[in-house]
PDB file of all heavy atoms in Angstrom:
ATOM      1  N   SER A   1      -3.168  12.679  78.725  1.00  0.00           N
ATOM      2  CA  SER A   1      -3.687  12.127  77.458  1.00  0.00           C
ATOM      3  C   SER A   1      -2.927  12.685  76.260  1.00  0.00           C
ATOM      4  O   SER A   1      -3.497  13.219  75.304  1.00  0.00           O
ATOM      5  CB  SER A   1      -5.185  12.425  77.319  1.00  0.00           C
ATOM      6  OG  SER A   1      -5.907  11.840  78.392  1.00  0.00           O
ATOM      7  N   ALA A   2      -1.604  12.608  76.359  1.00  0.00           N
ATOM      8  CA  ALA A   2      -0.739  13.133  75.294  1.00  0.00           C
ATOM      9  C   ALA A   2       0.542  12.316  75.254  1.00  0.00           C
ATOM     10  O   ALA A   2       0.882  11.597  76.206  1.00  0.00           O
ATOM     11  CB  ALA A   2      -0.434  14.613  75.547  1.00  0.00           C
ATOM     12  N   GLU A   3       1.250  12.439  74.127  1.00  0.00           N
ATOM     13  CA  GLU A   3       2.548  11.782  73.966  1.00  0.00           C
ATOM     14  C   GLU A   3       3.580  12.843  73.595  1.00  0.00           C
ATOM     15  O   GLU A   3       3.340  13.722  72.777  1.00  0.00           O
ATOM     16  CB  GLU A   3       2.487  10.717  72.856  1.00  0.00           C
ATOM     17  CG  GLU A   3       1.496   9.590  73.138  1.00  0.00           C
ATOM     18  CD  GLU A   3       1.539   8.506  72.065  1.00  0.00           C
ATOM     19  OE1 GLU A   3       2.404   8.606  71.154  1.00  0.00           O
ATOM     20  OE2 GLU A   3       0.716   7.574  72.133  1.00  0.00           O
ATOM     21  N   ILE A   4       4.766  12.721  74.216  1.00  0.00           N
ATOM     22  CA  ILE A   4       5.805  13.695  73.972  1.00  0.00           C
ATOM     23  C   ILE A   4       7.159  13.009  74.090  1.00  0.00           C
ATOM     24  O   ILE A   4       7.364  12.175  74.976  1.00  0.00           O
ATOM     25  CB  ILE A   4       5.703  14.893  74.943  1.00  0.00           C
ATOM     26  CG1 ILE A   4       6.797  15.916  74.671  1.00  0.00           C
ATOM     27  CG2 ILE A   4       5.722  14.429  76.400  1.00  0.00           C
ATOM     28  CD1 ILE A   4       6.588  17.225  75.420  1.00  0.00           C
ATOM     29  N   GLU A   5       8.104  13.343  73.205  1.00  0.00           N
ATOM     30  CA  GLU A   5       9.439  12.827  73.311  1.00  0.00           C
ATOM     31  C   GLU A   5      10.456  13.782  72.672  1.00  0.00           C
ATOM     32  O   GLU A   5      10.095  14.649  71.885  1.00  0.00           O
ATOM     33  CB  GLU A   5       9.571  11.415  72.700  1.00  0.00           C
ATOM     34  CG  GLU A   5       9.464  11.344  71.201  1.00  0.00           C
ATOM     35  CD  GLU A   5       9.638   9.919  70.704  1.00  0.00           C
ATOM     36  OE1 GLU A   5       9.320   8.953  71.459  1.00  0.00           O
ATOM     37  OE2 GLU A   5      10.094   9.762  69.568  1.00  0.00           O
ATOM     38  N   HIS A   6      11.712  13.600  73.069  1.00  0.00           N
ATOM     39  CA  HIS A   6      12.830  14.426  72.588  1.00  0.00           C
ATOM     40  C   HIS A   6      12.473  15.908  72.640  1.00  0.00           C
ATOM     41  O   HIS A   6      12.565  16.636  71.666  1.00  0.00           O
ATOM     42  CB  HIS A   6      13.230  14.032  71.166  1.00  0.00           C
ATOM     43  CG  HIS A   6      14.549  14.621  70.760  1.00  0.00           C
ATOM     44  ND1 HIS A   6      14.693  15.455  69.677  1.00  0.00           N
ATOM     45  CD2 HIS A   6      15.786  14.501  71.314  1.00  0.00           C
ATOM     46  CE1 HIS A   6      15.965  15.842  69.567  1.00  0.00           C
ATOM     47  NE2 HIS A   6      16.644  15.260  70.547  1.00  0.00           N
ATOM     48  N   SER A   7      12.070  16.352  73.819  1.00  0.00           N
ATOM     49  CA  SER A   7      11.591  17.724  73.988  1.00  0.00           C
ATOM     50  C   SER A   7      11.965  18.246  75.374  1.00  0.00           C
ATOM     51  O   SER A   7      12.289  17.488  76.283  1.00  0.00           O
ATOM     52  CB  SER A   7      10.060  17.788  73.819  1.00  0.00           C
ATOM     53  OG  SER A   7       9.680  17.458  72.502  1.00  0.00           O
ATOM     54  N   ILE A   8      11.911  19.574  75.487  1.00  0.00           N
ATOM     55  CA  ILE A   8      12.077  20.264  76.768  1.00  0.00           C
ATOM     56  C   ILE A   8      10.808  21.081  77.004  1.00  0.00           C
ATOM     57  O   ILE A   8      10.416  21.876  76.149  1.00  0.00           O
ATOM     58  CB  ILE A   8      13.297  21.191  76.756  1.00  0.00           C
ATOM     59  CG1 ILE A   8      14.587  20.406  76.560  1.00  0.00           C
ATOM     60  CG2 ILE A   8      13.363  22.004  78.057  1.00  0.00           C
ATOM     61  CD1 ILE A   8      15.823  21.270  76.379  1.00  0.00           C
ATOM     62  N   VAL A   9      10.204  20.868  78.164  1.00  0.00           N
ATOM     63  CA  VAL A   9       8.992  21.608  78.532  1.00  0.00           C
ATOM     64  C   VAL A   9       9.317  22.388  79.793  1.00  0.00           C
ATOM     65  O   VAL A   9       9.699  21.812  80.810  1.00  0.00           O
ATOM     66  CB  VAL A   9       7.801  20.666  78.768  1.00  0.00           C
ATOM     67  CG1 VAL A   9       6.572  21.459  79.185  1.00  0.00           C
ATOM     68  CG2 VAL A   9       7.512  19.850  77.509  1.00  0.00           C
ATOM     69  N   LEU A  10       9.171  23.705  79.738  1.00  0.00           N
ATOM     70  CA  LEU A  10       9.473  24.546  80.889  1.00  0.00           C
ATOM     71  C   LEU A  10       8.318  24.546  81.882  1.00  0.00           C
ATOM     72  O   LEU A  10       7.291  23.925  81.653  1.00  0.00           O
ATOM     73  CB  LEU A  10       9.837  25.963  80.448  1.00  0.00           C
ATOM     74  CG  LEU A  10      11.314  26.155  80.055  1.00  0.00           C
ATOM     75  CD1 LEU A  10      11.717  25.279  78.877  1.00  0.00           C
ATOM     76  CD2 LEU A  10      11.627  27.616  79.747  1.00  0.00           C
ATOM     77  N   GLU A  11       8.480  25.260  82.984  1.00  0.00           N
ATOM     78  CA  GLU A  11       7.568  25.164  84.110  1.00  0.00           C
ATOM     79  C   GLU A  11       6.164  25.688  83.809  1.00  0.00           C
ATOM     80  O   GLU A  11       5.965  26.529  82.938  1.00  0.00           O
ATOM     81  CB  GLU A  11       8.140  25.879  85.330  1.00  0.00           C
ATOM     82  CG  GLU A  11       8.288  27.388  85.190  1.00  0.00           C
ATOM     83  CD  GLU A  11       9.651  27.815  84.723  1.00  0.00           C
ATOM     84  OE1 GLU A  11      10.294  27.078  83.954  1.00  0.00           O
ATOM     85  OE2 GLU A  11      10.084  28.926  85.111  1.00  0.00           O
ATOM     86  N   HIS A  12       5.203  25.151  84.576  1.00  0.00           N
ATOM     87  CA  HIS A  12       3.808  25.597  84.574  1.00  0.00           C
ATOM     88  C   HIS A  12       3.144  25.451  83.195  1.00  0.00           C
ATOM     89  O   HIS A  12       2.332  26.297  82.803  1.00  0.00           O
ATOM     90  CB  HIS A  12       3.700  27.064  85.052  1.00  0.00           C
ATOM     91  CG  HIS A  12       4.164  27.270  86.460  1.00  0.00           C
ATOM     92  ND1 HIS A  12       3.440  26.893  87.564  1.00  0.00           N
ATOM     93  CD2 HIS A  12       5.312  27.804  86.943  1.00  0.00           C
ATOM     94  CE1 HIS A  12       4.110  27.190  88.660  1.00  0.00           C
ATOM     95  NE2 HIS A  12       5.251  27.746  88.314  1.00  0.00           N
ATOM     96  N   CYS A  13       3.473  24.384  82.505  1.00  0.00           N
ATOM     97  CA  CYS A  13       2.835  24.119  81.210  1.00  0.00           C
ATOM     98  C   CYS A  13       1.756  23.048  81.336  1.00  0.00           C
ATOM     99  O   CYS A  13       1.830  22.168  82.197  1.00  0.00           O
ATOM    100  CB  CYS A  13       3.875  23.648  80.180  1.00  0.00           C
ATOM    101  SG  CYS A  13       4.929  24.969  79.586  1.00  0.00           S
ATOM    102  N   THR A  14       0.759  23.145  80.467  1.00  0.00           N
ATOM    103  CA  THR A  14      -0.278  22.110  80.357  1.00  0.00           C
ATOM    104  C   THR A  14      -0.325  21.618  78.929  1.00  0.00           C
ATOM    105  O   THR A  14      -0.457  22.413  77.982  1.00  0.00           O
ATOM    106  CB  THR A  14      -1.659  22.706  80.737  1.00  0.00           C
ATOM    107  OG1 THR A  14      -1.638  23.105  82.108  1.00  0.00           O
ATOM    108  CG2 THR A  14      -2.752  21.667  80.527  1.00  0.00           C
ATOM    109  N   ILE A  15      -0.202  20.297  78.769  1.00  0.00           N
ATOM    110  CA  ILE A  15      -0.294  19.672  77.454  1.00  0.00           C
ATOM    111  C   ILE A  15      -1.285  18.515  77.602  1.00  0.00           C
ATOM    112  O   ILE A  15      -1.028  17.563  78.331  1.00  0.00           O
ATOM    113  CB  ILE A  15       1.073  19.168  76.977  1.00  0.00           C
ATOM    114  CG1 ILE A  15       2.061  20.337  76.886  1.00  0.00           C
ATOM    115  CG2 ILE A  15       0.956  18.447  75.645  1.00  0.00           C
ATOM    116  CD1 ILE A  15       3.491  19.919  76.584  1.00  0.00           C
ATOM    117  N   ARG A  16      -2.413  18.599  76.913  1.00  0.00           N
ATOM    118  CA  ARG A  16      -3.411  17.546  77.085  1.00  0.00           C
ATOM    119  C   ARG A  16      -4.224  17.321  75.797  1.00  0.00           C
ATOM    120  O   ARG A  16      -4.371  18.170  74.957  1.00  0.00           O
ATOM    121  CB  ARG A  16      -4.369  17.872  78.241  1.00  0.00           C
ATOM    122  CG  ARG A  16      -5.192  19.121  78.100  1.00  0.00           C
ATOM    123  CD  ARG A  16      -6.551  18.968  78.868  1.00  0.00           C
ATOM    124  NE  ARG A  16      -6.351  18.876  80.285  1.00  0.00           N
ATOM    125  CZ  ARG A  16      -6.454  19.883  81.144  1.00  0.00           C
ATOM    126  NH1 ARG A  16      -6.744  21.098  80.692  1.00  0.00           N
ATOM    127  NH2 ARG A  16      -6.284  19.702  82.425  1.00  0.00           N
ATOM    128  N   ASP A  17      -4.713  16.065  75.711  1.00  0.00           N
ATOM    129  CA  ASP A  17      -5.657  15.674  74.658  1.00  0.00           C
ATOM    130  C   ASP A  17      -5.123  15.975  73.264  1.00  0.00           C
ATOM    131  O   ASP A  17      -5.848  16.499  72.392  1.00  0.00           O
ATOM    132  CB  ASP A  17      -7.006  16.389  74.854  1.00  0.00           C
ATOM    133  CG  ASP A  17      -7.656  16.030  76.187  1.00  0.00           C
ATOM    134  OD1 ASP A  17      -7.478  14.885  76.623  1.00  0.00           O
ATOM    135  OD2 ASP A  17      -8.335  16.896  76.759  1.00  0.00           O
ATOM    136  N   LEU A  18      -3.874  15.591  73.012  1.00  0.00           N
ATOM    137  CA  LEU A  18      -3.317  15.825  71.685  1.00  0.00           C
ATOM    138  C   LEU A  18      -3.525  14.605  70.799  1.00  0.00           C
ATOM    139  O   LEU A  18      -3.307  13.461  71.238  1.00  0.00           O
ATOM    140  CB  LEU A  18      -1.823  16.137  71.776  1.00  0.00           C
ATOM    141  CG  LEU A  18      -1.410  17.387  72.546  1.00  0.00           C
ATOM    142  CD1 LEU A  18       0.068  17.665  72.352  1.00  0.00           C
ATOM    143  CD2 LEU A  18      -2.236  18.602  72.142  1.00  0.00           C
ATOM    144  N   PRO A  19      -3.929  14.811  69.530  1.00  0.00           N
ATOM    145  CA  PRO A  19      -4.172  13.674  68.649  1.00  0.00           C
ATOM    146  C   PRO A  19      -2.898  13.066  68.114  1.00  0.00           C
ATOM    147  O   PRO A  19      -2.899  11.933  67.609  1.00  0.00           O
ATOM    148  CB  PRO A  19      -5.007  14.290  67.515  1.00  0.00           C
ATOM    149  CG  PRO A  19      -4.609  15.715  67.493  1.00  0.00           C
ATOM    150  CD  PRO A  19      -4.328  16.101  68.923  1.00  0.00           C
ATOM    151  N   HIS A  20      -1.774  13.798  68.188  1.00  0.00           N
ATOM    152  CA  HIS A  20      -0.514  13.303  67.642  1.00  0.00           C
ATOM    153  C   HIS A  20       0.605  13.537  68.659  1.00  0.00           C
ATOM    154  O   HIS A  20       0.469  14.369  69.560  1.00  0.00           O
ATOM    155  CB  HIS A  20      -0.154  14.019  66.330  1.00  0.00           C
ATOM    156  CG  HIS A  20      -1.231  13.903  65.285  1.00  0.00           C
ATOM    157  ND1 HIS A  20      -1.502  12.723  64.624  1.00  0.00           N
ATOM    158  CD2 HIS A  20      -2.087  14.834  64.787  1.00  0.00           C
ATOM    159  CE1 HIS A  20      -2.493  12.932  63.761  1.00  0.00           C
ATOM    160  NE2 HIS A  20      -2.868  14.196  63.840  1.00  0.00           N
ATOM    161  N   ARG A  21       1.694  12.804  68.484  1.00  0.00           N
ATOM    162  CA  ARG A  21       2.828  12.931  69.376  1.00  0.00           C
ATOM    163  C   ARG A  21       3.546  14.259  69.154  1.00  0.00           C
ATOM    164  O   ARG A  21       3.739  14.706  68.045  1.00  0.00           O
ATOM    165  CB  ARG A  21       3.804  11.772  69.161  1.00  0.00           C
ATOM    166  CG  ARG A  21       4.998  11.768  70.084  1.00  0.00           C
ATOM    167  CD  ARG A  21       5.834  10.502  69.948  1.00  0.00           C
ATOM    168  NE  ARG A  21       5.038   9.344  70.342  1.00  0.00           N
ATOM    169  CZ  ARG A  21       5.478   8.095  70.282  1.00  0.00           C
ATOM    170  NH1 ARG A  21       6.708   7.842  69.848  1.00  0.00           N
ATOM    171  NH2 ARG A  21       4.716   7.097  70.648  1.00  0.00           N
ATOM    172  N   LEU A  22       3.963  14.874  70.271  1.00  0.00           N
ATOM    173  CA  LEU A  22       4.745  16.106  70.237  1.00  0.00           C
ATOM    174  C   LEU A  22       6.208  15.717  70.375  1.00  0.00           C
ATOM    175  O   LEU A  22       6.580  14.974  71.298  1.00  0.00           O
ATOM    176  CB  LEU A  22       4.333  17.010  71.400  1.00  0.00           C
ATOM    177  CG  LEU A  22       4.899  18.417  71.485  1.00  0.00           C
ATOM    178  CD1 LEU A  22       4.372  19.255  70.332  1.00  0.00           C
ATOM    179  CD2 LEU A  22       4.543  19.059  72.814  1.00  0.00           C
ATOM    180  N   GLU A  23       7.058  16.177  69.462  1.00  0.00           N
ATOM    181  CA  GLU A  23       8.468  15.805  69.525  1.00  0.00           C
ATOM    182  C   GLU A  23       9.347  16.931  68.991  1.00  0.00           C
ATOM    183  O   GLU A  23       8.877  17.863  68.348  1.00  0.00           O
ATOM    184  CB  GLU A  23       8.738  14.518  68.719  1.00  0.00           C
ATOM    185  CG  GLU A  23       8.436  14.627  67.258  1.00  0.00           C
ATOM    186  CD  GLU A  23       8.656  13.317  66.504  1.00  0.00           C
ATOM    187  OE1 GLU A  23       8.616  12.245  67.130  1.00  0.00           O
ATOM    188  OE2 GLU A  23       8.891  13.398  65.281  1.00  0.00           O
ATOM    189  N   ASP A  24      10.651  16.821  69.343  1.00  0.00           N
ATOM    190  CA  ASP A  24      11.648  17.789  68.886  1.00  0.00           C
ATOM    191  C   ASP A  24      11.225  19.233  69.197  1.00  0.00           C
ATOM    192  O   ASP A  24      11.397  20.131  68.371  1.00  0.00           O
ATOM    193  CB  ASP A  24      11.907  17.655  67.394  1.00  0.00           C
ATOM    194  CG  ASP A  24      12.363  16.266  66.990  1.00  0.00           C
ATOM    195  OD1 ASP A  24      12.980  15.593  67.837  1.00  0.00           O
ATOM    196  OD2 ASP A  24      12.094  15.848  65.863  1.00  0.00           O
ATOM    197  N   SER A  25      10.690  19.433  70.386  1.00  0.00           N
ATOM    198  CA  SER A  25      10.088  20.735  70.719  1.00  0.00           C
ATOM    199  C   SER A  25      10.714  21.341  71.975  1.00  0.00           C
ATOM    200  O   SER A  25      11.152  20.641  72.882  1.00  0.00           O
ATOM    201  CB  SER A  25       8.583  20.585  70.941  1.00  0.00           C
ATOM    202  OG  SER A  25       7.952  20.121  69.752  1.00  0.00           O
ATOM    203  N   LEU A  26      10.727  22.677  71.997  1.00  0.00           N
ATOM    204  CA  LEU A  26      11.119  23.442  73.169  1.00  0.00           C
ATOM    205  C   LEU A  26       9.928  24.333  73.533  1.00  0.00           C
ATOM    206  O   LEU A  26       9.586  25.242  72.771  1.00  0.00           O
ATOM    207  CB  LEU A  26      12.364  24.290  72.876  1.00  0.00           C
ATOM    208  CG  LEU A  26      12.834  25.270  73.946  1.00  0.00           C
ATOM    209  CD1 LEU A  26      13.094  24.541  75.268  1.00  0.00           C
ATOM    210  CD2 LEU A  26      14.065  26.024  73.488  1.00  0.00           C
ATOM    211  N   ILE A  27       9.286  24.024  74.645  1.00  0.00           N
ATOM    212  CA  ILE A  27       8.038  24.686  75.035  1.00  0.00           C
ATOM    213  C   ILE A  27       8.329  25.645  76.188  1.00  0.00           C
ATOM    214  O   ILE A  27       8.858  25.256  77.228  1.00  0.00           O
ATOM    215  CB  ILE A  27       6.974  23.663  75.485  1.00  0.00           C
ATOM    216  CG1 ILE A  27       6.817  22.553  74.417  1.00  0.00           C
ATOM    217  CG2 ILE A  27       5.651  24.363  75.756  1.00  0.00           C
ATOM    218  CD1 ILE A  27       6.343  23.052  73.080  1.00  0.00           C
ATOM    219  N   GLY A  28       7.961  26.908  76.026  1.00  0.00           N
ATOM    220  CA  GLY A  28       8.264  27.931  77.029  1.00  0.00           C
ATOM    221  C   GLY A  28       7.376  27.844  78.251  1.00  0.00           C
ATOM    222  O   GLY A  28       6.523  26.953  78.380  1.00  0.00           O
ATOM    223  N   ARG A  29       7.551  28.786  79.153  1.00  0.00           N
ATOM    224  CA  ARG A  29       6.834  28.791  80.432  1.00  0.00           C
ATOM    225  C   ARG A  29       5.354  29.131  80.244  1.00  0.00           C
ATOM    226  O   ARG A  29       4.986  29.911  79.380  1.00  0.00           O
ATOM    227  CB  ARG A  29       7.490  29.804  81.377  1.00  0.00           C
ATOM    228  CG  ARG A  29       8.933  29.499  81.691  1.00  0.00           C
ATOM    229  CD  ARG A  29       9.610  30.647  82.381  1.00  0.00           C
ATOM    230  NE  ARG A  29      10.964  30.299  82.812  1.00  0.00           N
ATOM    231  CZ  ARG A  29      12.037  30.362  82.021  1.00  0.00           C
ATOM    232  NH1 ARG A  29      11.909  30.765  80.765  1.00  0.00           N
ATOM    233  NH2 ARG A  29      13.239  29.998  82.488  1.00  0.00           N
ATOM    234  N   HIS A  30       4.521  28.526  81.118  1.00  0.00           N
ATOM    235  CA  HIS A  30       3.082  28.853  81.192  1.00  0.00           C
ATOM    236  C   HIS A  30       2.379  28.678  79.830  1.00  0.00           C
ATOM    237  O   HIS A  30       1.484  29.458  79.491  1.00  0.00           O
ATOM    238  CB  HIS A  30       2.886  30.290  81.707  1.00  0.00           C
ATOM    239  CG  HIS A  30       3.418  30.504  83.097  1.00  0.00           C
ATOM    240  ND1 HIS A  30       2.687  30.222  84.226  1.00  0.00           N
ATOM    241  CD2 HIS A  30       4.616  30.965  83.515  1.00  0.00           C
ATOM    242  CE1 HIS A  30       3.419  30.504  85.282  1.00  0.00           C
ATOM    243  NE2 HIS A  30       4.591  30.969  84.879  1.00  0.00           N
ATOM    244  N   VAL A  31       2.779  27.668  79.087  1.00  0.00           N
ATOM    245  CA  VAL A  31       2.158  27.382  77.793  1.00  0.00           C
ATOM    246  C   VAL A  31       1.061  26.340  77.970  1.00  0.00           C
ATOM    247  O   VAL A  31       1.210  25.392  78.754  1.00  0.00           O
ATOM    248  CB  VAL A  31       3.208  26.868  76.787  1.00  0.00           C
ATOM    249  CG1 VAL A  31       2.542  26.341  75.517  1.00  0.00           C
ATOM    250  CG2 VAL A  31       4.189  27.988  76.424  1.00  0.00           C
ATOM    251  N   GLU A  32      -0.031  26.505  77.276  1.00  0.00           N
ATOM    252  CA  GLU A  32      -1.111  25.517  77.278  1.00  0.00           C
ATOM    253  C   GLU A  32      -1.336  25.037  75.852  1.00  0.00           C
ATOM    254  O   GLU A  32      -1.605  25.819  74.946  1.00  0.00           O
ATOM    255  CB  GLU A  32      -2.405  26.131  77.821  1.00  0.00           C
ATOM    256  CG  GLU A  32      -3.531  25.107  77.938  1.00  0.00           C
ATOM    257  CD  GLU A  32      -4.751  25.640  78.651  1.00  0.00           C
ATOM    258  OE1 GLU A  32      -4.658  26.750  79.212  1.00  0.00           O
ATOM    259  OE2 GLU A  32      -5.791  24.937  78.656  1.00  0.00           O
ATOM    260  N   ILE A  33      -1.219  23.711  75.664  1.00  0.00           N
ATOM    261  CA  ILE A  33      -1.446  23.094  74.365  1.00  0.00           C
ATOM    262  C   ILE A  33      -2.541  22.051  74.543  1.00  0.00           C
ATOM    263  O   ILE A  33      -2.357  21.065  75.263  1.00  0.00           O
ATOM    264  CB  ILE A  33      -0.171  22.419  73.819  1.00  0.00           C
ATOM    265  CG1 ILE A  33       0.987  23.431  73.762  1.00  0.00           C
ATOM    266  CG2 ILE A  33      -0.429  21.837  72.439  1.00  0.00           C
ATOM    267  CD1 ILE A  33       2.302  22.805  73.362  1.00  0.00           C
ATOM    268  N   THR A  34      -3.685  22.279  73.935  1.00  0.00           N
ATOM    269  CA  THR A  34      -4.813  21.349  74.059  1.00  0.00           C
ATOM    270  C   THR A  34      -5.527  21.229  72.719  1.00  0.00           C
ATOM    271  O   THR A  34      -5.341  22.020  71.798  1.00  0.00           O
ATOM    272  CB  THR A  34      -5.843  21.833  75.095  1.00  0.00           C
ATOM    273  OG1 THR A  34      -6.383  23.089  74.666  1.00  0.00           O
ATOM    274  CG2 THR A  34      -5.205  21.997  76.468  1.00  0.00           C
ATOM    275  N   ARG A  35      -6.359  20.197  72.617  1.00  0.00           N
ATOM    276  CA  ARG A  35      -7.200  20.051  71.448  1.00  0.00           C
ATOM    277  C   ARG A  35      -8.559  20.656  71.740  1.00  0.00           C
ATOM    278  O   ARG A  35      -9.215  20.303  72.710  1.00  0.00           O
ATOM    279  CB  ARG A  35      -7.355  18.569  71.060  1.00  0.00           C
ATOM    280  CG  ARG A  35      -8.226  18.366  69.836  1.00  0.00           C
ATOM    281  CD  ARG A  35      -8.180  16.946  69.319  1.00  0.00           C
ATOM    282  NE  ARG A  35      -8.601  15.993  70.323  1.00  0.00           N
ATOM    283  CZ  ARG A  35      -8.734  14.676  70.088  1.00  0.00           C
ATOM    284  NH1 ARG A  35      -8.404  14.188  68.906  1.00  0.00           N
ATOM    285  NH2 ARG A  35      -9.139  13.867  71.028  1.00  0.00           N
ATOM    286  N   SER A  36      -8.977  21.578  70.916  1.00  0.00           N
ATOM    287  CA  SER A  36     -10.252  22.250  71.145  1.00  0.00           C
ATOM    288  C   SER A  36     -11.399  21.345  70.723  1.00  0.00           C
ATOM    289  O   SER A  36     -11.368  20.723  69.657  1.00  0.00           O
ATOM    290  CB  SER A  36     -10.314  23.555  70.357  1.00  0.00           C
ATOM    291  OG  SER A  36     -11.598  24.114  70.458  1.00  0.00           O
ATOM    292  N   PRO A  37     -12.484  21.264  71.544  1.00  0.00           N
ATOM    293  CA  PRO A  37     -13.645  20.440  71.186  1.00  0.00           C
ATOM    294  C   PRO A  37     -14.580  21.146  70.215  1.00  0.00           C
ATOM    295  O   PRO A  37     -15.542  20.541  69.728  1.00  0.00           O
ATOM    296  CB  PRO A  37     -14.321  20.208  72.535  1.00  0.00           C
ATOM    297  CG  PRO A  37     -13.992  21.448  73.314  1.00  0.00           C
ATOM    298  CD  PRO A  37     -12.600  21.846  72.892  1.00  0.00           C
ATOM    299  N   ARG A  38     -14.334  22.420  69.964  1.00  0.00           N
ATOM    300  CA  ARG A  38     -15.278  23.174  69.166  1.00  0.00           C
ATOM    301  C   ARG A  38     -15.196  22.817  67.682  1.00  0.00           C
ATOM    302  O   ARG A  38     -14.144  22.417  67.169  1.00  0.00           O
ATOM    303  CB  ARG A  38     -14.998  24.677  69.341  1.00  0.00           C
ATOM    304  CG  ARG A  38     -15.327  25.191  70.729  1.00  0.00           C
ATOM    305  CD  ARG A  38     -15.114  26.684  70.830  1.00  0.00           C
ATOM    306  NE  ARG A  38     -13.700  27.032  70.707  1.00  0.00           N
ATOM    307  CZ  ARG A  38     -13.248  28.286  70.758  1.00  0.00           C
ATOM    308  NH1 ARG A  38     -14.102  29.280  70.879  1.00  0.00           N
ATOM    309  NH2 ARG A  38     -11.958  28.529  70.668  1.00  0.00           N
ATOM    310  N   LYS A  39     -16.316  22.996  67.014  1.00  0.00           N
ATOM    311  CA  LYS A  39     -16.383  22.780  65.572  1.00  0.00           C
ATOM    312  C   LYS A  39     -16.856  24.054  64.886  1.00  0.00           C
ATOM    313  O   LYS A  39     -17.587  24.827  65.496  1.00  0.00           O
ATOM    314  CB  LYS A  39     -17.328  21.619  65.247  1.00  0.00           C
ATOM    315  CG  LYS A  39     -16.796  20.277  65.749  1.00  0.00           C
ATOM    316  CD  LYS A  39     -17.714  19.134  65.339  1.00  0.00           C
ATOM    317  CE  LYS A  39     -17.166  17.788  65.834  1.00  0.00           C
ATOM    318  NZ  LYS A  39     -18.000  16.668  65.416  1.00  0.00           N
ATOM    319  N   PRO A  40     -16.470  24.313  63.667  1.00  0.00           N
ATOM    320  CA  PRO A  40     -15.617  23.446  62.820  1.00  0.00           C
ATOM    321  C   PRO A  40     -14.191  23.399  63.344  1.00  0.00           C
ATOM    322  O   PRO A  40     -13.721  24.347  63.992  1.00  0.00           O
ATOM    323  CB  PRO A  40     -15.665  24.153  61.471  1.00  0.00           C
ATOM    324  CG  PRO A  40     -15.916  25.580  61.797  1.00  0.00           C
ATOM    325  CD  PRO A  40     -16.841  25.553  62.975  1.00  0.00           C
ATOM    326  N   LYS A  41     -13.523  22.284  63.050  1.00  0.00           N
ATOM    327  CA  LYS A  41     -12.165  22.117  63.515  1.00  0.00           C
ATOM    328  C   LYS A  41     -11.239  23.108  62.818  1.00  0.00           C
ATOM    329  O   LYS A  41     -11.310  23.291  61.600  1.00  0.00           O
ATOM    330  CB  LYS A  41     -11.681  20.695  63.247  1.00  0.00           C
ATOM    331  CG  LYS A  41     -12.406  19.636  64.090  1.00  0.00           C
ATOM    332  CD  LYS A  41     -11.847  18.258  63.838  1.00  0.00           C
ATOM    333  CE  LYS A  41     -12.542  17.233  64.738  1.00  0.00           C
ATOM    334  NZ  LYS A  41     -12.009  15.873  64.513  1.00  0.00           N
ATOM    335  N   ALA A  42     -10.390  23.755  63.576  1.00  0.00           N
ATOM    336  CA  ALA A  42      -9.481  24.744  63.014  1.00  0.00           C
ATOM    337  C   ALA A  42      -8.303  24.923  63.967  1.00  0.00           C
ATOM    338  O   ALA A  42      -8.415  24.639  65.158  1.00  0.00           O
ATOM    339  CB  ALA A  42     -10.187  26.075  62.783  1.00  0.00           C
TER     340      ALA A  42
END
């Protein structure tokens, strides 16, 4: 449930539930990028 382009994602990463497209990015190993359901939003 995410969009990504023009990027390199290294091994064992999780990218989910992003409200916007991820681009022009270099993501290191074992990184988790998610949208938190908690409020207030921050």
